[in-house]
Amino acid sequence: MKILIIEDEYSLADAIATTLQREKFGVNIITNGEDGEYEALTNIYDLILLDVMLPKKDGFEILNSLRKEKINTPVIMLTAKSEISDKLNGLENGADDYITKPFHMRELVARVKVILKRKTNIEDTNILEYSDLKLDLATCKMKVNDNEIPINGKELDLLEILLVNKNQIIDREMLANKIWGITSEAEYNNVEVYVSFLRKKLKLLKSKVKIKAVRGIGYKLEEEND
């Protein structure tokens, strides 16, 4: 699982990253609000640790932006503020948890694991849907109305990622890393080839769902209007 840390105190961010890496999490650190927002909006993470007081854009603005774009990645707010109004502000705007600095690393790890376990339990389903398209992970079939076709291998992996993150632009590098692995020599054109395969299957099923290429970034799902 991969975690994004948006925290301007680099020494703290590095300490958190080191602790999480020991727990076998993948970690990325961003130290300002604008870059952190862009990273959170355009890449796939299982959880975000988000500081409130950030240069360029604060954590509440980033959280609002994520939820406005219907990105439901779990967020734990990190802040030196302890006022109840700040905690309520974060929680009411879509944060999943709130931890006040200074905190013990064991407490942070425990909260991270609780949130991720909760997310896994909620999303423990074999059926992923968007518009008229369904992906049955148990039978490895794509379905549109009464029509269905088998799907497997890298195509299945790619479609699953697109559907899990259906309201999000997914970076090509992230797709390559998720499907072929970080140490793989797979290039971006591998992603393009499998996107092409999926597009043909969607066309065969006469689905309203299209895979849109976002120039210079990656891909996202869109519903074609009648």
Protein backbone atom coordinates (compact mmCIF):
# COMPACT_ATOMS: atom_id res chain seq x y z
CA MET A 1 0.00 0.00 0.00
CA LYS A 2 1.18 3.51 -0.80
CA ILE A 3 0.89 6.57 1.45
CA LEU A 4 1.30 10.24 0.53
CA ILE A 5 2.75 12.55 3.20
CA ILE A 6 2.05 16.27 2.66
CA GLU A 7 4.09 17.96 5.40
CA ASP A 8 6.38 21.02 5.22
CA GLU A 9 8.54 20.03 8.21
CA TYR A 10 10.85 17.74 6.27
CA SER A 11 12.52 16.23 9.35
CA LEU A 12 9.10 15.14 10.65
CA ALA A 13 7.98 13.92 7.23
CA ASP A 14 11.19 11.91 6.87
CA ALA A 15 10.75 10.38 10.33
CA ILE A 16 7.16 9.40 9.49
CA ALA A 17 8.26 7.95 6.15
CA THR A 18 11.03 5.89 7.77
CA THR A 19 8.58 4.50 10.33
CA LEU A 20 5.99 3.61 7.68
CA GLN A 21 8.60 2.03 5.41
CA ARG A 22 9.56 -0.28 8.28
CA GLU A 23 5.92 -1.35 8.26
CA LYS A 24 6.30 -2.18 4.53
CA PHE A 25 4.32 0.81 3.22
CA GLY A 26 5.39 2.69 0.11
CA VAL A 27 5.77 6.39 0.86
CA ASN A 28 6.02 9.68 -1.05
CA ILE A 29 6.74 13.07 0.57
CA ILE A 30 5.56 16.49 -0.69
CA THR A 31 6.50 19.62 1.29
CA ASN A 32 4.12 22.32 0.01
CA GLY A 33 0.39 22.60 -0.48
CA GLU A 34 0.18 23.27 -4.22
CA ASP A 35 2.41 20.34 -5.20
CA GLY A 36 0.72 18.16 -2.59
CA GLU A 37 -2.72 18.91 -4.00
CA TYR A 38 -1.58 18.12 -7.55
CA GLU A 39 0.01 14.84 -6.44
CA ALA A 40 -3.10 13.81 -4.49
CA LEU A 41 -5.39 14.64 -7.43
CA THR A 42 -3.36 12.93 -10.15
CA ASN A 43 -1.87 9.83 -8.53
CA ILE A 44 -3.21 6.80 -6.69
CA TYR A 45 -2.65 6.48 -2.95
CA ASP A 46 -4.22 4.26 -0.33
CA LEU A 47 -4.01 6.97 2.35
CA ILE A 48 -2.89 10.61 2.72
CA LEU A 49 -1.27 12.15 5.79
CA LEU A 50 -2.09 15.84 5.43
CA ASP A 51 -0.63 18.69 7.48
CA VAL A 52 -2.93 21.67 8.06
CA MET A 53 -0.39 24.52 8.06
CA LEU A 54 1.35 24.32 4.67
CA PRO A 55 3.00 26.90 2.40
CA LYS A 56 1.09 27.95 -0.76
CA LYS A 57 -2.13 26.06 0.12
CA ASP A 58 -3.32 24.78 3.49
CA GLY A 59 -4.53 21.30 4.33
CA PHE A 60 -8.20 22.26 4.60
CA GLU A 61 -8.13 23.65 1.04
CA ILE A 62 -6.50 20.46 -0.23
CA LEU A 63 -9.03 18.29 1.58
CA ASN A 64 -11.93 20.30 0.13
CA SER A 65 -10.45 20.00 -3.35
CA LEU A 66 -10.12 16.21 -3.04
CA ARG A 67 -13.66 15.72 -1.83
CA LYS A 68 -15.03 18.12 -4.46
CA GLU A 69 -13.43 15.92 -7.12
CA LYS A 70 -15.02 12.87 -5.42
CA ILE A 71 -11.65 11.39 -4.51
CA ASN A 72 -12.36 9.29 -1.45
CA THR A 73 -8.80 8.39 -0.49
CA PRO A 74 -8.67 8.26 3.35
CA VAL A 75 -7.08 11.37 4.90
CA ILE A 76 -5.53 11.75 8.35
CA MET A 77 -4.96 15.41 9.26
CA LEU A 78 -1.70 16.31 11.04
CA THR A 79 -1.51 19.60 12.91
CA ALA A 80 -0.06 21.48 15.86
CA LYS A 81 -3.50 22.97 16.44
CA SER A 82 -5.53 21.34 19.19
CA GLU A 83 -8.65 23.52 19.17
CA ILE A 84 -11.88 21.53 18.82
CA SER A 85 -13.05 23.88 16.03
CA ASP A 86 -10.08 22.88 13.85
CA LYS A 87 -10.71 19.19 14.44
CA LEU A 88 -14.38 19.59 13.59
CA ASN A 89 -13.49 21.58 10.46
CA GLY A 90 -11.36 18.72 9.19
CA LEU A 91 -13.74 15.94 10.09
CA GLU A 92 -16.82 17.73 8.77
CA ASN A 93 -15.08 18.34 5.44
CA GLY A 94 -14.19 14.71 4.88
CA ALA A 95 -11.11 13.86 6.95
CA ASP A 96 -11.09 10.31 8.31
CA ASP A 97 -9.02 11.06 11.39
CA TYR A 98 -7.12 13.86 13.12
CA ILE A 99 -3.87 13.64 15.11
CA THR A 100 -2.31 16.55 17.01
CA LYS A 101 1.44 17.20 17.11
CA PRO A 102 3.53 16.13 18.88
CA PHE A 103 2.47 12.51 18.57
CA HIS A 104 4.11 9.14 19.10
CA MET A 105 4.96 7.25 15.92
CA ARG A 106 3.34 4.10 17.27
CA GLU A 107 0.07 5.99 17.66
CA LEU A 108 0.29 7.25 14.08
CA VAL A 109 1.01 3.77 12.71
CA ALA A 110 -1.92 2.36 14.71
CA ARG A 111 -4.29 4.98 13.31
CA VAL A 112 -3.04 4.40 9.77
CA LYS A 113 -3.66 0.66 10.09
CA VAL A 114 -7.15 1.17 11.54
CA ILE A 115 -8.16 3.50 8.67
CA LEU A 116 -6.74 1.16 6.02
CA LYS A 117 -8.46 -1.86 7.56
CA ARG A 118 -11.75 0.05 7.63
CA LYS A 119 -11.33 1.01 3.97
CA THR A 120 -10.53 -2.57 2.96
CA ASN A 121 -13.61 -3.89 4.75
CA ILE A 122 -15.88 -1.30 3.15
CA GLU A 123 -14.55 -1.97 -0.32
CA ASP A 124 -14.49 -5.74 0.02
CA THR A 125 -16.67 -6.47 -2.96
CA ASN A 126 -16.27 -8.47 -6.15
CA ILE A 127 -18.32 -6.05 -8.27
CA LEU A 128 -16.92 -2.71 -9.45
CA GLU A 129 -19.22 -0.37 -11.40
CA TYR A 130 -19.19 2.83 -13.42
CA SER A 131 -22.12 3.98 -15.56
CA ASP A 132 -23.35 0.89 -17.46
CA LEU A 133 -20.11 -1.06 -16.97
CA LYS A 134 -19.59 -3.74 -14.33
CA LEU A 135 -16.43 -5.69 -13.59
CA ASP A 136 -16.94 -8.97 -11.76
CA LEU A 137 -13.64 -9.80 -10.07
CA ALA A 138 -14.85 -13.24 -9.00
CA THR A 139 -15.65 -14.44 -12.53
CA CYS A 140 -13.22 -12.09 -14.36
CA LYS A 141 -15.90 -10.74 -16.69
CA MET A 142 -16.79 -7.30 -18.03
CA LYS A 143 -20.54 -6.75 -18.22
CA VAL A 144 -22.77 -4.18 -19.91
CA ASN A 145 -26.49 -4.90 -19.49
CA ASP A 146 -26.97 -8.50 -20.68
CA ASN A 147 -23.66 -8.70 -22.53
CA GLU A 148 -20.43 -9.94 -21.01
CA ILE A 149 -16.93 -10.91 -22.09
CA PRO A 150 -14.01 -12.46 -20.17
CA ILE A 151 -11.07 -10.32 -19.07
CA ASN A 152 -7.83 -11.37 -17.40
CA GLY A 153 -4.18 -10.61 -16.84
CA LYS A 154 -2.95 -7.06 -17.25
CA GLU A 155 -6.23 -5.92 -18.82
CA LEU A 156 -8.07 -7.00 -15.68
CA ASP A 157 -5.53 -5.21 -13.46
CA LEU A 158 -5.81 -2.03 -15.52
CA LEU A 159 -9.61 -1.95 -15.56
CA GLU A 160 -9.77 -2.65 -11.82
CA ILE A 161 -7.50 0.34 -11.08
CA LEU A 162 -9.53 2.59 -13.38
CA LEU A 163 -12.80 1.56 -11.72
CA VAL A 164 -11.53 1.81 -8.14
CA ASN A 165 -10.32 5.34 -8.97
CA LYS A 166 -13.16 6.19 -11.35
CA ASN A 167 -13.34 9.88 -10.41
CA GLN A 168 -9.62 10.44 -10.70
CA ILE A 169 -7.02 11.07 -13.40
CA ILE A 170 -4.50 8.24 -13.09
CA ASP A 171 -0.87 8.94 -13.91
CA ARG A 172 0.69 6.62 -16.51
CA GLU A 173 3.76 6.02 -14.35
CA MET A 174 1.53 5.04 -11.44
CA LEU A 175 -0.37 2.62 -13.68
CA ALA A 176 2.87 1.07 -14.90
CA ASN A 177 4.18 0.71 -11.34
CA LYS A 178 0.92 -0.77 -10.03
CA ILE A 179 0.53 -3.29 -12.86
CA TRP A 180 4.10 -4.23 -13.79
CA GLY A 181 5.87 -3.30 -10.53
CA ILE A 182 8.30 -0.54 -9.67
CA THR A 183 11.34 -2.64 -10.59
CA SER A 184 9.91 -3.63 -13.98
CA GLU A 185 11.33 -2.20 -17.19
CA ALA A 186 7.85 -1.79 -18.64
CA GLU A 187 7.47 1.51 -20.49
CA TYR A 188 4.54 3.88 -20.92
CA ASN A 189 3.67 2.36 -24.30
CA ASN A 190 2.82 -0.89 -22.45
CA VAL A 191 0.07 1.04 -20.68
CA GLU A 192 -1.11 2.52 -23.99
CA VAL A 193 -1.28 -0.93 -25.57
CA TYR A 194 -3.48 -2.32 -22.80
CA VAL A 195 -5.65 0.80 -22.78
CA SER A 196 -6.21 0.14 -26.48
CA PHE A 197 -7.22 -3.46 -25.70
CA LEU A 198 -9.74 -2.26 -23.11
CA ARG A 199 -11.18 0.34 -25.46
CA LYS A 200 -11.87 -2.40 -28.01
CA LYS A 201 -13.67 -4.49 -25.39
CA LEU A 202 -15.74 -1.50 -24.26
CA LYS A 203 -16.69 -0.83 -27.89
CA LEU A 204 -17.59 -4.50 -28.39
CA LEU A 205 -19.90 -4.33 -25.37
CA LYS A 206 -21.39 -1.04 -26.64
CA SER A 207 -20.65 0.60 -23.31
CA LYS A 208 -21.14 4.31 -22.60
CA VAL A 209 -17.83 4.24 -20.72
CA LYS A 210 -14.79 5.68 -22.46
CA ILE A 211 -11.16 5.77 -21.38
CA LYS A 212 -10.04 9.36 -21.86
CA ALA A 213 -6.36 10.20 -22.33
CA VAL A 214 -5.41 13.35 -20.39
CA ARG A 215 -2.49 14.84 -22.31
CA GLY A 216 0.80 14.70 -20.44
CA ILE A 217 -0.72 13.01 -17.37
CA GLY A 218 -2.57 9.74 -17.86
CA TYR A 219 -6.09 8.37 -18.12
CA LYS A 220 -9.55 8.60 -16.57
CA LEU A 221 -12.98 7.07 -17.14
CA GLU A 222 -15.73 9.14 -18.71
CA GLU A 223 -19.36 8.49 -19.51
CA GLU A 224 -20.33 9.29 -23.08
CA ASN A 225 -23.40 11.50 -23.29
CA ASP A 226 -26.25 10.40 -25.56
